[in-house]
Amino acid sequence: MRRTEVARLGREYWWLVGIASVLTLARFSEAFLLLAGQQEGMAIALIPTILVVMNIMYAISAYPFGRLADCMSRRILLVMGITLLIVADVVLATSGTVWQVTLGAVVWGVHMGATQGLLSAIIADIAPADLRGTVFGFYSLVTGTALLAASVVAGLLWTAVGSTATFVAGAVFAVVAIIGVGLQQAVIKQ
């Protein structure tokens, strides 16, 4: 990216990349869902079904949330999606059964359906047409790096403190992302 291109992106893009990065810190690797299932005594052969359930819910919910994004405030929808991640984290942090872990994976999947396409749509809307490829590439670089960092931190928390701390930290980062969405309008108008 050249300086002239960076200057054309504006505050709204950079703010969104920041929010998405914090959200990615909240949404560490789904492998931790598998670990939660194992911790609660799920049979090893069945543990992958947690990801299957999560991805089915992601697929089922993506289209309805996409339709909603066409007819309502995307900021409100983003906050709703992030709130779902907080709910998933709370369910997973307090889980004591395989069914609770499965419920957490269901809500996590719905969260993904609500936010993933929405973030891409928002980026496409605010990016200059001639820089869309560059903008999406940079966005993916930043959020991918955040995912790696989030997964390392989540692993360290899981090992040092326990699974509850991992999911509570995810919920805290999700709350910070919601605060970022709330502050976004005030910062961009300045």
N, C-alpha and C. Protein backbone atom coordinates (compact mmCIF):
# COMPACT_ATOMS: atom_id res chain seq x y z
N MET A 1 0.84 -1.18 0.00
CA MET A 1 0.00 0.00 0.00
C MET A 1 0.89 1.24 0.00
N ARG A 2 0.53 2.16 -0.86
CA ARG A 2 1.26 3.43 -0.92
C ARG A 2 0.61 4.44 0.03
N ARG A 3 1.37 5.43 0.43
CA ARG A 3 0.83 6.46 1.33
C ARG A 3 -0.40 7.14 0.76
N THR A 4 -0.40 7.40 -0.52
CA THR A 4 -1.56 8.06 -1.12
C THR A 4 -2.81 7.18 -1.03
N GLU A 5 -2.61 5.87 -1.17
CA GLU A 5 -3.73 4.94 -1.04
C GLU A 5 -4.22 4.87 0.40
N VAL A 6 -3.28 4.83 1.33
CA VAL A 6 -3.64 4.78 2.76
C VAL A 6 -4.45 6.01 3.13
N ALA A 7 -4.04 7.17 2.64
CA ALA A 7 -4.74 8.41 2.95
C ALA A 7 -6.17 8.41 2.42
N ARG A 8 -6.41 7.72 1.32
CA ARG A 8 -7.75 7.68 0.73
C ARG A 8 -8.72 6.79 1.51
N LEU A 9 -8.21 5.94 2.36
CA LEU A 9 -9.09 5.00 3.06
C LEU A 9 -9.93 5.67 4.14
N GLY A 10 -9.39 6.62 4.82
CA GLY A 10 -10.17 7.39 5.78
C GLY A 10 -10.35 6.71 7.13
N ARG A 11 -10.87 7.50 8.06
CA ARG A 11 -11.06 7.05 9.43
C ARG A 11 -12.02 5.87 9.55
N GLU A 12 -13.08 5.92 8.75
CA GLU A 12 -14.09 4.87 8.87
C GLU A 12 -13.48 3.49 8.61
N TYR A 13 -12.64 3.36 7.61
CA TYR A 13 -12.01 2.07 7.31
C TYR A 13 -11.10 1.64 8.46
N TRP A 14 -10.25 2.54 8.91
CA TRP A 14 -9.29 2.18 9.96
C TRP A 14 -10.00 1.85 11.26
N TRP A 15 -11.07 2.56 11.55
CA TRP A 15 -11.85 2.27 12.75
C TRP A 15 -12.46 0.86 12.64
N LEU A 16 -12.99 0.54 11.46
CA LEU A 16 -13.58 -0.78 11.26
C LEU A 16 -12.52 -1.88 11.37
N VAL A 17 -11.35 -1.66 10.83
CA VAL A 17 -10.27 -2.64 10.97
C VAL A 17 -9.93 -2.83 12.45
N GLY A 18 -9.92 -1.74 13.21
CA GLY A 18 -9.66 -1.84 14.65
C GLY A 18 -10.73 -2.64 15.36
N ILE A 19 -11.99 -2.36 15.06
CA ILE A 19 -13.10 -3.10 15.68
C ILE A 19 -13.02 -4.57 15.31
N ALA A 20 -12.78 -4.85 14.03
CA ALA A 20 -12.69 -6.25 13.58
C ALA A 20 -11.52 -6.95 14.23
N SER A 21 -10.43 -6.25 14.46
CA SER A 21 -9.27 -6.86 15.12
C SER A 21 -9.58 -7.21 16.57
N VAL A 22 -10.23 -6.30 17.27
CA VAL A 22 -10.62 -6.58 18.66
C VAL A 22 -11.62 -7.73 18.69
N LEU A 23 -12.57 -7.73 17.75
CA LEU A 23 -13.53 -8.82 17.67
C LEU A 23 -12.81 -10.14 17.40
N THR A 24 -11.80 -10.11 16.57
CA THR A 24 -11.03 -11.33 16.29
C THR A 24 -10.29 -11.80 17.54
N LEU A 25 -9.82 -10.86 18.36
CA LEU A 25 -9.20 -11.25 19.63
C LEU A 25 -10.21 -11.98 20.52
N ALA A 26 -11.48 -11.61 20.39
CA ALA A 26 -12.53 -12.27 21.17
C ALA A 26 -12.89 -13.63 20.59
N ARG A 27 -12.62 -13.80 19.31
CA ARG A 27 -13.05 -15.01 18.61
C ARG A 27 -11.83 -15.84 18.22
N PHE A 28 -11.17 -16.36 19.22
CA PHE A 28 -9.98 -17.17 19.00
C PHE A 28 -10.36 -18.44 18.24
N SER A 29 -9.40 -19.28 17.99
CA SER A 29 -9.61 -20.48 17.19
C SER A 29 -10.75 -21.35 17.73
N GLU A 30 -11.54 -21.89 16.81
CA GLU A 30 -12.64 -22.77 17.19
C GLU A 30 -12.12 -24.08 17.80
N ALA A 31 -10.83 -24.32 17.72
CA ALA A 31 -10.25 -25.51 18.36
C ALA A 31 -10.54 -25.52 19.85
N PHE A 32 -10.73 -24.34 20.44
CA PHE A 32 -11.03 -24.28 21.86
C PHE A 32 -12.43 -24.81 22.17
N LEU A 33 -13.31 -24.77 21.18
CA LEU A 33 -14.62 -25.40 21.34
C LEU A 33 -14.44 -26.92 21.47
N LEU A 34 -13.54 -27.45 20.67
CA LEU A 34 -13.25 -28.89 20.73
C LEU A 34 -12.65 -29.26 22.09
N LEU A 35 -11.74 -28.42 22.56
CA LEU A 35 -11.13 -28.68 23.87
C LEU A 35 -12.18 -28.63 24.98
N ALA A 36 -13.14 -27.71 24.84
CA ALA A 36 -14.21 -27.62 25.84
C ALA A 36 -15.04 -28.89 25.83
N GLY A 37 -15.33 -29.43 24.66
CA GLY A 37 -16.08 -30.69 24.57
C GLY A 37 -15.31 -31.83 25.20
N GLN A 38 -14.02 -31.89 24.93
CA GLN A 38 -13.19 -32.94 25.52
C GLN A 38 -13.14 -32.80 27.04
N GLN A 39 -13.03 -31.57 27.51
CA GLN A 39 -12.96 -31.31 28.95
C GLN A 39 -14.23 -31.79 29.65
N GLU A 40 -15.36 -31.67 28.97
CA GLU A 40 -16.63 -32.07 29.58
C GLU A 40 -16.93 -33.56 29.39
N GLY A 41 -15.98 -34.30 28.83
CA GLY A 41 -16.12 -35.74 28.75
C GLY A 41 -16.73 -36.28 27.47
N MET A 42 -16.78 -35.47 26.45
CA MET A 42 -17.31 -35.94 25.18
C MET A 42 -16.39 -37.02 24.62
N ALA A 43 -17.00 -38.06 24.06
CA ALA A 43 -16.21 -39.14 23.46
C ALA A 43 -15.34 -38.57 22.35
N ILE A 44 -14.11 -39.00 22.30
CA ILE A 44 -13.14 -38.46 21.34
C ILE A 44 -13.65 -38.56 19.91
N ALA A 45 -14.29 -39.65 19.57
CA ALA A 45 -14.80 -39.83 18.21
C ALA A 45 -15.91 -38.83 17.87
N LEU A 46 -16.57 -38.28 18.88
CA LEU A 46 -17.68 -37.35 18.65
C LEU A 46 -17.27 -35.88 18.73
N ILE A 47 -16.09 -35.60 19.22
CA ILE A 47 -15.66 -34.21 19.41
C ILE A 47 -15.77 -33.37 18.12
N PRO A 48 -15.41 -33.90 16.96
CA PRO A 48 -15.54 -33.08 15.74
C PRO A 48 -16.98 -32.63 15.43
N THR A 49 -17.96 -33.31 16.01
CA THR A 49 -19.35 -32.87 15.76
C THR A 49 -19.61 -31.47 16.31
N ILE A 50 -18.83 -31.05 17.26
CA ILE A 50 -18.98 -29.68 17.77
C ILE A 50 -18.74 -28.68 16.65
N LEU A 51 -17.67 -28.89 15.88
CA LEU A 51 -17.40 -27.99 14.75
C LEU A 51 -18.44 -28.15 13.64
N VAL A 52 -18.92 -29.36 13.45
CA VAL A 52 -19.97 -29.59 12.45
C VAL A 52 -21.21 -28.79 12.83
N VAL A 53 -21.61 -28.88 14.08
CA VAL A 53 -22.78 -28.13 14.57
C VAL A 53 -22.56 -26.63 14.40
N MET A 54 -21.38 -26.16 14.81
CA MET A 54 -21.09 -24.73 14.70
C MET A 54 -21.17 -24.27 13.24
N ASN A 55 -20.59 -25.03 12.34
CA ASN A 55 -20.59 -24.63 10.93
C ASN A 55 -21.96 -24.74 10.28
N ILE A 56 -22.76 -25.70 10.71
CA ILE A 56 -24.15 -25.78 10.21
C ILE A 56 -24.91 -24.53 10.64
N MET A 57 -24.76 -24.13 11.89
CA MET A 57 -25.45 -22.93 12.36
C MET A 57 -24.94 -21.68 11.65
N TYR A 58 -23.66 -21.63 11.38
CA TYR A 58 -23.06 -20.53 10.63
C TYR A 58 -23.71 -20.47 9.24
N ALA A 59 -23.78 -21.60 8.57
CA ALA A 59 -24.35 -21.64 7.22
C ALA A 59 -25.83 -21.29 7.21
N ILE A 60 -26.57 -21.82 8.17
CA ILE A 60 -28.02 -21.58 8.22
C ILE A 60 -28.32 -20.11 8.53
N SER A 61 -27.52 -19.50 9.38
CA SER A 61 -27.82 -18.13 9.83
C SER A 61 -27.26 -17.05 8.91
N ALA A 62 -26.29 -17.36 8.07
CA ALA A 62 -25.65 -16.33 7.25
C ALA A 62 -26.63 -15.66 6.29
N TYR A 63 -27.46 -16.43 5.63
CA TYR A 63 -28.40 -15.83 4.66
C TYR A 63 -29.43 -14.91 5.34
N PRO A 64 -30.11 -15.37 6.40
CA PRO A 64 -31.07 -14.45 7.04
C PRO A 64 -30.41 -13.17 7.56
N PHE A 65 -29.22 -13.29 8.12
CA PHE A 65 -28.54 -12.09 8.60
C PHE A 65 -28.10 -11.21 7.44
N GLY A 66 -27.74 -11.81 6.33
CA GLY A 66 -27.42 -11.03 5.14
C GLY A 66 -28.62 -10.24 4.65
N ARG A 67 -29.78 -10.88 4.68
CA ARG A 67 -31.02 -10.18 4.29
C ARG A 67 -31.31 -9.03 5.25
N LEU A 68 -31.12 -9.28 6.54
CA LEU A 68 -31.33 -8.22 7.52
C LEU A 68 -30.38 -7.04 7.29
N ALA A 69 -29.16 -7.34 6.89
CA ALA A 69 -28.17 -6.28 6.65
C ALA A 69 -28.58 -5.38 5.50
N ASP A 70 -29.44 -5.89 4.62
CA ASP A 70 -29.92 -5.07 3.51
C ASP A 70 -31.05 -4.14 3.89
N CYS A 71 -31.65 -4.37 5.06
CA CYS A 71 -32.83 -3.55 5.39
C CYS A 71 -32.81 -2.94 6.78
N MET A 72 -31.71 -3.08 7.51
CA MET A 72 -31.63 -2.44 8.82
C MET A 72 -30.22 -1.92 9.06
N SER A 73 -30.04 -1.20 10.14
CA SER A 73 -28.74 -0.62 10.47
C SER A 73 -27.69 -1.70 10.64
N ARG A 74 -26.62 -1.56 9.90
CA ARG A 74 -25.54 -2.55 10.00
C ARG A 74 -24.82 -2.44 11.33
N ARG A 75 -24.77 -1.26 11.90
CA ARG A 75 -24.15 -1.10 13.22
C ARG A 75 -24.93 -1.87 14.27
N ILE A 76 -26.26 -1.76 14.23
CA ILE A 76 -27.10 -2.48 15.19
C ILE A 76 -26.94 -3.98 14.99
N LEU A 77 -26.93 -4.40 13.75
CA LEU A 77 -26.76 -5.82 13.46
C LEU A 77 -25.40 -6.34 13.92
N LEU A 78 -24.37 -5.53 13.77
CA LEU A 78 -23.04 -5.91 14.23
C LEU A 78 -23.02 -6.06 15.75
N VAL A 79 -23.65 -5.13 16.44
CA VAL A 79 -23.72 -5.22 17.90
C VAL A 79 -24.51 -6.47 18.31
N MET A 80 -25.58 -6.77 17.60
CA MET A 80 -26.34 -8.00 17.90
C MET A 80 -25.46 -9.23 17.72
N GLY A 81 -24.70 -9.26 16.63
CA GLY A 81 -23.82 -10.40 16.37
C GLY A 81 -22.73 -10.55 17.42
N ILE A 82 -22.16 -9.44 17.83
CA ILE A 82 -21.12 -9.48 18.87
C ILE A 82 -21.72 -9.92 20.21
N THR A 83 -22.94 -9.48 20.47
CA THR A 83 -23.64 -9.89 21.69
C THR A 83 -23.83 -11.40 21.71
N LEU A 84 -24.11 -11.98 20.55
CA LEU A 84 -24.22 -13.44 20.48
C LEU A 84 -22.91 -14.12 20.86
N LEU A 85 -21.78 -13.53 20.48
CA LEU A 85 -20.49 -14.10 20.87
C LEU A 85 -20.32 -14.03 22.39
N ILE A 86 -20.75 -12.95 22.99
CA ILE A 86 -20.67 -12.83 24.45
C ILE A 86 -21.51 -13.92 25.10
N VAL A 87 -22.72 -14.14 24.58
CA VAL A 87 -23.58 -15.20 25.11
C VAL A 87 -22.89 -16.56 24.97
N ALA A 88 -22.31 -16.82 23.80
CA ALA A 88 -21.61 -18.09 23.59
C ALA A 88 -20.47 -18.25 24.58
N ASP A 89 -19.71 -17.19 24.79
CA ASP A 89 -18.59 -17.25 25.73
C ASP A 89 -19.06 -17.52 27.15
N VAL A 90 -20.16 -16.88 27.55
CA VAL A 90 -20.68 -17.11 28.90
C VAL A 90 -21.16 -18.55 29.05
N VAL A 91 -21.85 -19.06 28.04
CA VAL A 91 -22.31 -20.45 28.09
C VAL A 91 -21.11 -21.38 28.19
N LEU A 92 -20.08 -21.12 27.40
CA LEU A 92 -18.89 -21.99 27.41
C LEU A 92 -18.08 -21.84 28.69
N ALA A 93 -18.02 -20.63 29.23
CA ALA A 93 -17.27 -20.41 30.47
C ALA A 93 -17.92 -21.10 31.66
N THR A 94 -19.23 -21.25 31.60
CA THR A 94 -19.96 -21.86 32.73
C THR A 94 -20.38 -23.29 32.44
N SER A 95 -19.92 -23.85 31.34
CA SER A 95 -20.39 -25.18 30.96
C SER A 95 -19.92 -26.24 31.95
N GLY A 96 -20.79 -27.20 32.12
CA GLY A 96 -20.48 -28.34 32.97
C GLY A 96 -20.89 -29.63 32.30
N THR A 97 -21.48 -29.50 31.11
CA THR A 97 -21.94 -30.68 30.37
C THR A 97 -21.61 -30.54 28.89
N VAL A 98 -21.65 -31.65 28.20
CA VAL A 98 -21.45 -31.66 26.76
C VAL A 98 -22.54 -30.84 26.08
N TRP A 99 -23.76 -30.91 26.62
CA TRP A 99 -24.88 -30.17 26.01
C TRP A 99 -24.66 -28.67 26.09
N GLN A 100 -24.09 -28.19 27.17
CA GLN A 100 -23.79 -26.76 27.27
C GLN A 100 -22.71 -26.35 26.27
N VAL A 101 -21.73 -27.20 26.10
CA VAL A 101 -20.68 -26.91 25.11
C VAL A 101 -21.31 -26.88 23.72
N THR A 102 -22.20 -27.81 23.44
CA THR A 102 -22.88 -27.84 22.15
C THR A 102 -23.72 -26.58 21.96
N LEU A 103 -24.44 -26.16 23.00
CA LEU A 103 -25.21 -24.92 22.92
C LEU A 103 -24.29 -23.74 22.66
N GLY A 104 -23.14 -23.69 23.34
CA GLY A 104 -22.17 -22.62 23.09
C GLY A 104 -21.71 -22.62 21.64
N ALA A 105 -21.49 -23.80 21.07
CA ALA A 105 -21.07 -23.90 19.67
C ALA A 105 -22.18 -23.45 18.73
N VAL A 106 -23.43 -23.75 19.09
CA VAL A 106 -24.58 -23.29 18.28
C VAL A 106 -24.61 -21.77 18.24
N VAL A 107 -24.53 -21.15 19.40
CA VAL A 107 -24.59 -19.68 19.47
C VAL A 107 -23.37 -19.08 18.79
N TRP A 108 -22.20 -19.69 18.96
CA TRP A 108 -20.98 -19.22 18.29
C TRP A 108 -21.19 -19.23 16.77
N GLY A 109 -21.78 -20.29 16.25
CA GLY A 109 -22.04 -20.39 14.81
C GLY A 109 -23.00 -19.31 14.33
N VAL A 110 -24.04 -19.04 15.10
CA VAL A 110 -24.99 -17.99 14.73
C VAL A 110 -24.28 -16.64 14.74
N HIS A 111 -23.42 -16.45 15.73
CA HIS A 111 -22.62 -15.22 15.77
C HIS A 111 -21.80 -15.05 14.48
N MET A 112 -21.18 -16.14 14.04
CA MET A 112 -20.38 -16.09 12.81
C MET A 112 -21.27 -15.72 11.62
N GLY A 113 -22.45 -16.30 11.55
CA GLY A 113 -23.37 -15.97 10.47
C GLY A 113 -23.79 -14.52 10.50
N ALA A 114 -23.88 -13.95 11.68
CA ALA A 114 -24.30 -12.55 11.82
C ALA A 114 -23.19 -11.56 11.50
N THR A 115 -21.94 -11.93 11.75
CA THR A 115 -20.88 -10.92 11.66
C THR A 115 -19.94 -11.06 10.46
N GLN A 116 -19.64 -12.27 10.03
CA GLN A 116 -18.60 -12.43 9.01
C GLN A 116 -18.95 -11.76 7.69
N GLY A 117 -20.09 -12.07 7.14
CA GLY A 117 -20.48 -11.44 5.89
C GLY A 117 -20.73 -9.95 6.06
N LEU A 118 -21.25 -9.58 7.22
CA LEU A 118 -21.56 -8.19 7.50
C LEU A 118 -20.29 -7.33 7.49
N LEU A 119 -19.24 -7.80 8.13
CA LEU A 119 -17.99 -7.05 8.13
C LEU A 119 -17.45 -6.89 6.71
N SER A 120 -17.54 -7.93 5.91
CA SER A 120 -17.09 -7.84 4.52
C SER A 120 -17.93 -6.85 3.73
N ALA A 121 -19.23 -6.86 3.95
CA ALA A 121 -20.11 -5.92 3.25
C ALA A 121 -19.80 -4.48 3.63
N ILE A 122 -19.55 -4.24 4.90
CA ILE A 122 -19.23 -2.89 5.35
C ILE A 122 -17.92 -2.43 4.71
N ILE A 123 -16.94 -3.30 4.68
CA ILE A 123 -15.65 -2.94 4.07
C ILE A 123 -15.84 -2.64 2.59
N ALA A 124 -16.61 -3.46 1.90
CA ALA A 124 -16.86 -3.22 0.47
C ALA A 124 -17.54 -1.88 0.26
N ASP A 125 -18.43 -1.49 1.17
CA ASP A 125 -19.14 -0.21 1.05
C ASP A 125 -18.23 0.99 1.24
N ILE A 126 -17.27 0.89 2.15
CA ILE A 126 -16.46 2.07 2.47
C ILE A 126 -15.15 2.15 1.69
N ALA A 127 -14.77 1.07 1.03
CA ALA A 127 -13.50 1.06 0.30
C ALA A 127 -13.66 1.69 -1.08
N PRO A 128 -12.69 2.49 -1.50
CA PRO A 128 -12.72 2.98 -2.87
C PRO A 128 -12.69 1.80 -3.84
N ALA A 129 -13.46 1.89 -4.90
CA ALA A 129 -13.61 0.76 -5.83
C ALA A 129 -12.27 0.26 -6.37
N ASP A 130 -11.35 1.18 -6.64
CA ASP A 130 -10.07 0.76 -7.23
C ASP A 130 -9.10 0.18 -6.19
N LEU A 131 -9.47 0.20 -4.90
CA LEU A 131 -8.60 -0.33 -3.85
C LEU A 131 -9.22 -1.52 -3.11
N ARG A 132 -10.34 -2.02 -3.58
CA ARG A 132 -11.05 -3.08 -2.83
C ARG A 132 -10.18 -4.30 -2.59
N GLY A 133 -9.46 -4.76 -3.58
CA GLY A 133 -8.60 -5.93 -3.39
C GLY A 133 -7.54 -5.67 -2.34
N THR A 134 -6.92 -4.52 -2.41
CA THR A 134 -5.88 -4.13 -1.45
C THR A 134 -6.48 -4.01 -0.05
N VAL A 135 -7.65 -3.39 0.03
CA VAL A 135 -8.31 -3.18 1.31
C VAL A 135 -8.68 -4.52 1.96
N PHE A 136 -9.24 -5.43 1.18
CA PHE A 136 -9.58 -6.74 1.74
C PHE A 136 -8.33 -7.53 2.11
N GLY A 137 -7.28 -7.41 1.32
CA GLY A 137 -6.03 -8.09 1.64
C GLY A 137 -5.44 -7.59 2.95
N PHE A 138 -5.43 -6.26 3.13
CA PHE A 138 -4.88 -5.70 4.36
C PHE A 138 -5.76 -6.08 5.56
N TYR A 139 -7.07 -6.02 5.38
CA TYR A 139 -8.01 -6.41 6.42
C TYR A 139 -7.75 -7.86 6.85
N SER A 140 -7.58 -8.74 5.88
CA SER A 140 -7.32 -10.15 6.18
C SER A 140 -5.98 -10.34 6.88
N LEU A 141 -4.97 -9.57 6.47
CA LEU A 141 -3.67 -9.63 7.14
C LEU A 141 -3.80 -9.25 8.61
N VAL A 142 -4.47 -8.14 8.88
CA VAL A 142 -4.59 -7.65 10.25
C VAL A 142 -5.43 -8.60 11.11
N THR A 143 -6.58 -9.03 10.59
CA THR A 143 -7.43 -9.91 11.40
C THR A 143 -6.81 -11.31 11.53
N GLY A 144 -6.08 -11.75 10.53
CA GLY A 144 -5.38 -13.04 10.64
C GLY A 144 -4.31 -13.00 11.71
N THR A 145 -3.59 -11.90 11.77
CA THR A 145 -2.57 -11.72 12.80
C THR A 145 -3.23 -11.67 14.18
N ALA A 146 -4.37 -10.97 14.26
CA ALA A 146 -5.10 -10.90 15.53
C ALA A 146 -5.60 -12.28 15.95
N LEU A 147 -6.04 -13.10 14.99
CA LEU A 147 -6.50 -14.46 15.30
C LEU A 147 -5.36 -15.31 15.86
N LEU A 148 -4.19 -15.17 15.27
CA LEU A 148 -3.03 -15.91 15.78
C LEU A 148 -2.71 -15.47 17.21
N ALA A 149 -2.68 -14.16 17.43
CA ALA A 149 -2.40 -13.64 18.78
C ALA A 149 -3.47 -14.09 19.77
N ALA A 150 -4.73 -14.03 19.35
CA ALA A 150 -5.83 -14.43 20.23
C ALA A 150 -5.73 -15.89 20.61
N SER A 151 -5.37 -16.72 19.66
CA SER A 151 -5.28 -18.16 19.93
C SER A 151 -4.11 -18.48 20.85
N VAL A 152 -3.01 -17.76 20.70
CA VAL A 152 -1.87 -17.95 21.60
C VAL A 152 -2.25 -17.54 23.01
N VAL A 153 -2.87 -16.37 23.15
CA VAL A 153 -3.30 -15.90 24.47
C VAL A 153 -4.33 -16.85 25.07
N ALA A 154 -5.29 -17.29 24.25
CA ALA A 154 -6.31 -18.22 24.75
C ALA A 154 -5.67 -19.51 25.23
N GLY A 155 -4.68 -20.00 24.50
CA GLY A 155 -3.97 -21.22 24.92
C GLY A 155 -3.21 -21.02 26.22
N LEU A 156 -2.57 -19.88 26.35
CA LEU A 156 -1.84 -19.59 27.59
C LEU A 156 -2.81 -19.49 28.77
N LEU A 157 -3.94 -18.81 28.56
CA LEU A 157 -4.94 -18.71 29.63
C LEU A 157 -5.49 -20.08 30.00
N TRP A 158 -5.80 -20.88 28.98
CA TRP A 158 -6.35 -22.22 29.22
C TRP A 158 -5.37 -23.04 30.07
N THR A 159 -4.09 -22.97 29.71
CA THR A 159 -3.08 -23.76 30.41
C THR A 159 -2.82 -23.23 31.82
N ALA A 160 -2.71 -21.91 31.95
CA ALA A 160 -2.32 -21.33 33.23
C ALA A 160 -3.48 -21.19 34.22
N VAL A 161 -4.68 -20.87 33.71
CA VAL A 161 -5.79 -20.55 34.61
C VAL A 161 -6.96 -21.53 34.43
N GLY A 162 -7.23 -21.90 33.18
CA GLY A 162 -8.33 -22.82 32.93
C GLY A 162 -9.24 -22.33 31.81
N SER A 163 -10.14 -23.18 31.41
CA SER A 163 -11.03 -22.88 30.29
C SER A 163 -11.93 -21.69 30.57
N THR A 164 -12.38 -21.56 31.79
CA THR A 164 -13.27 -20.44 32.13
C THR A 164 -12.60 -19.11 31.81
N ALA A 165 -11.35 -18.97 32.18
CA ALA A 165 -10.62 -17.72 31.93
C ALA A 165 -10.52 -17.43 30.44
N THR A 166 -10.35 -18.47 29.64
CA THR A 166 -10.24 -18.29 28.19
C THR A 166 -11.52 -17.69 27.63
N PHE A 167 -12.66 -18.27 28.00
CA PHE A 167 -13.93 -17.78 27.46
C PHE A 167 -14.34 -16.44 28.08
N VAL A 168 -13.98 -16.20 29.32
CA VAL A 168 -14.25 -14.89 29.93
C VAL A 168 -13.44 -13.81 29.21
N ALA A 169 -12.18 -14.11 28.90
CA ALA A 169 -11.35 -13.14 28.16
C ALA A 169 -11.97 -12.86 26.79
N GLY A 170 -12.48 -13.89 26.13
CA GLY A 170 -13.16 -13.68 24.86
C GLY A 170 -14.35 -12.76 25.01
N ALA A 171 -15.13 -12.95 26.06
CA ALA A 171 -16.29 -12.10 26.30
C ALA A 171 -15.87 -10.65 26.57
N VAL A 172 -14.78 -10.48 27.29
CA VAL A 172 -14.29 -9.12 27.59
C VAL A 172 -13.87 -8.42 26.30
N PHE A 173 -13.14 -9.11 25.44
CA PHE A 173 -12.76 -8.51 24.16
C PHE A 173 -13.99 -8.19 23.31
N ALA A 174 -15.01 -9.02 23.38
CA ALA A 174 -16.24 -8.77 22.63
C ALA A 174 -16.93 -7.50 23.16
N VAL A 175 -16.93 -7.32 24.46
CA VAL A 175 -17.50 -6.10 25.05
C VAL A 175 -16.72 -4.87 24.55
N VAL A 176 -15.41 -4.98 24.51
CA VAL A 176 -14.58 -3.87 24.00
C VAL A 176 -14.93 -3.58 22.54
N ALA A 177 -15.18 -4.63 21.75
CA ALA A 177 -15.57 -4.43 20.35
C ALA A 177 -16.91 -3.69 20.26
N ILE A 178 -17.86 -4.03 21.13
CA ILE A 178 -19.15 -3.32 21.14
C ILE A 178 -18.94 -1.86 21.50
N ILE A 179 -18.10 -1.60 22.47
CA ILE A 179 -17.79 -0.21 22.84
C ILE A 179 -17.20 0.52 21.65
N GLY A 180 -16.32 -0.16 20.91
CA GLY A 180 -15.73 0.43 19.71
C GLY A 180 -16.78 0.78 18.67
N VAL A 181 -17.76 -0.10 18.48
CA VAL A 181 -18.85 0.19 17.54
C VAL A 181 -19.62 1.42 18.01
N GLY A 182 -19.87 1.50 19.32
CA GLY A 182 -20.59 2.64 19.87
C GLY A 182 -19.83 3.96 19.72
N LEU A 183 -18.52 3.90 19.88
CA LEU A 183 -17.71 5.11 19.77
C LEU A 183 -17.40 5.49 18.32
N GLN A 184 -17.60 4.57 17.41
CA GLN A 184 -17.22 4.79 16.02
C GLN A 184 -17.82 6.07 15.42
N GLN A 185 -19.09 6.27 15.62
CA GLN A 185 -19.75 7.45 15.05
C GLN A 185 -19.14 8.75 15.57
N ALA A 186 -18.90 8.80 16.86
CA ALA A 186 -18.34 10.02 17.45
C ALA A 186 -16.95 10.30 16.91
N VAL A 187 -16.14 9.29 16.76
CA VAL A 187 -14.75 9.48 16.29
C VAL A 187 -14.73 9.87 14.82
N ILE A 188 -15.55 9.24 14.02
CA ILE A 188 -15.54 9.52 12.57
C ILE A 188 -16.05 10.92 12.28
N LYS A 189 -16.98 11.42 13.05
CA LYS A 189 -17.54 12.77 12.81
C LYS A 189 -16.58 13.88 13.17
N GLN A 190 -15.55 13.57 13.94
CA GLN A 190 -14.60 14.62 14.37
C GLN A 190 -13.78 15.12 13.20
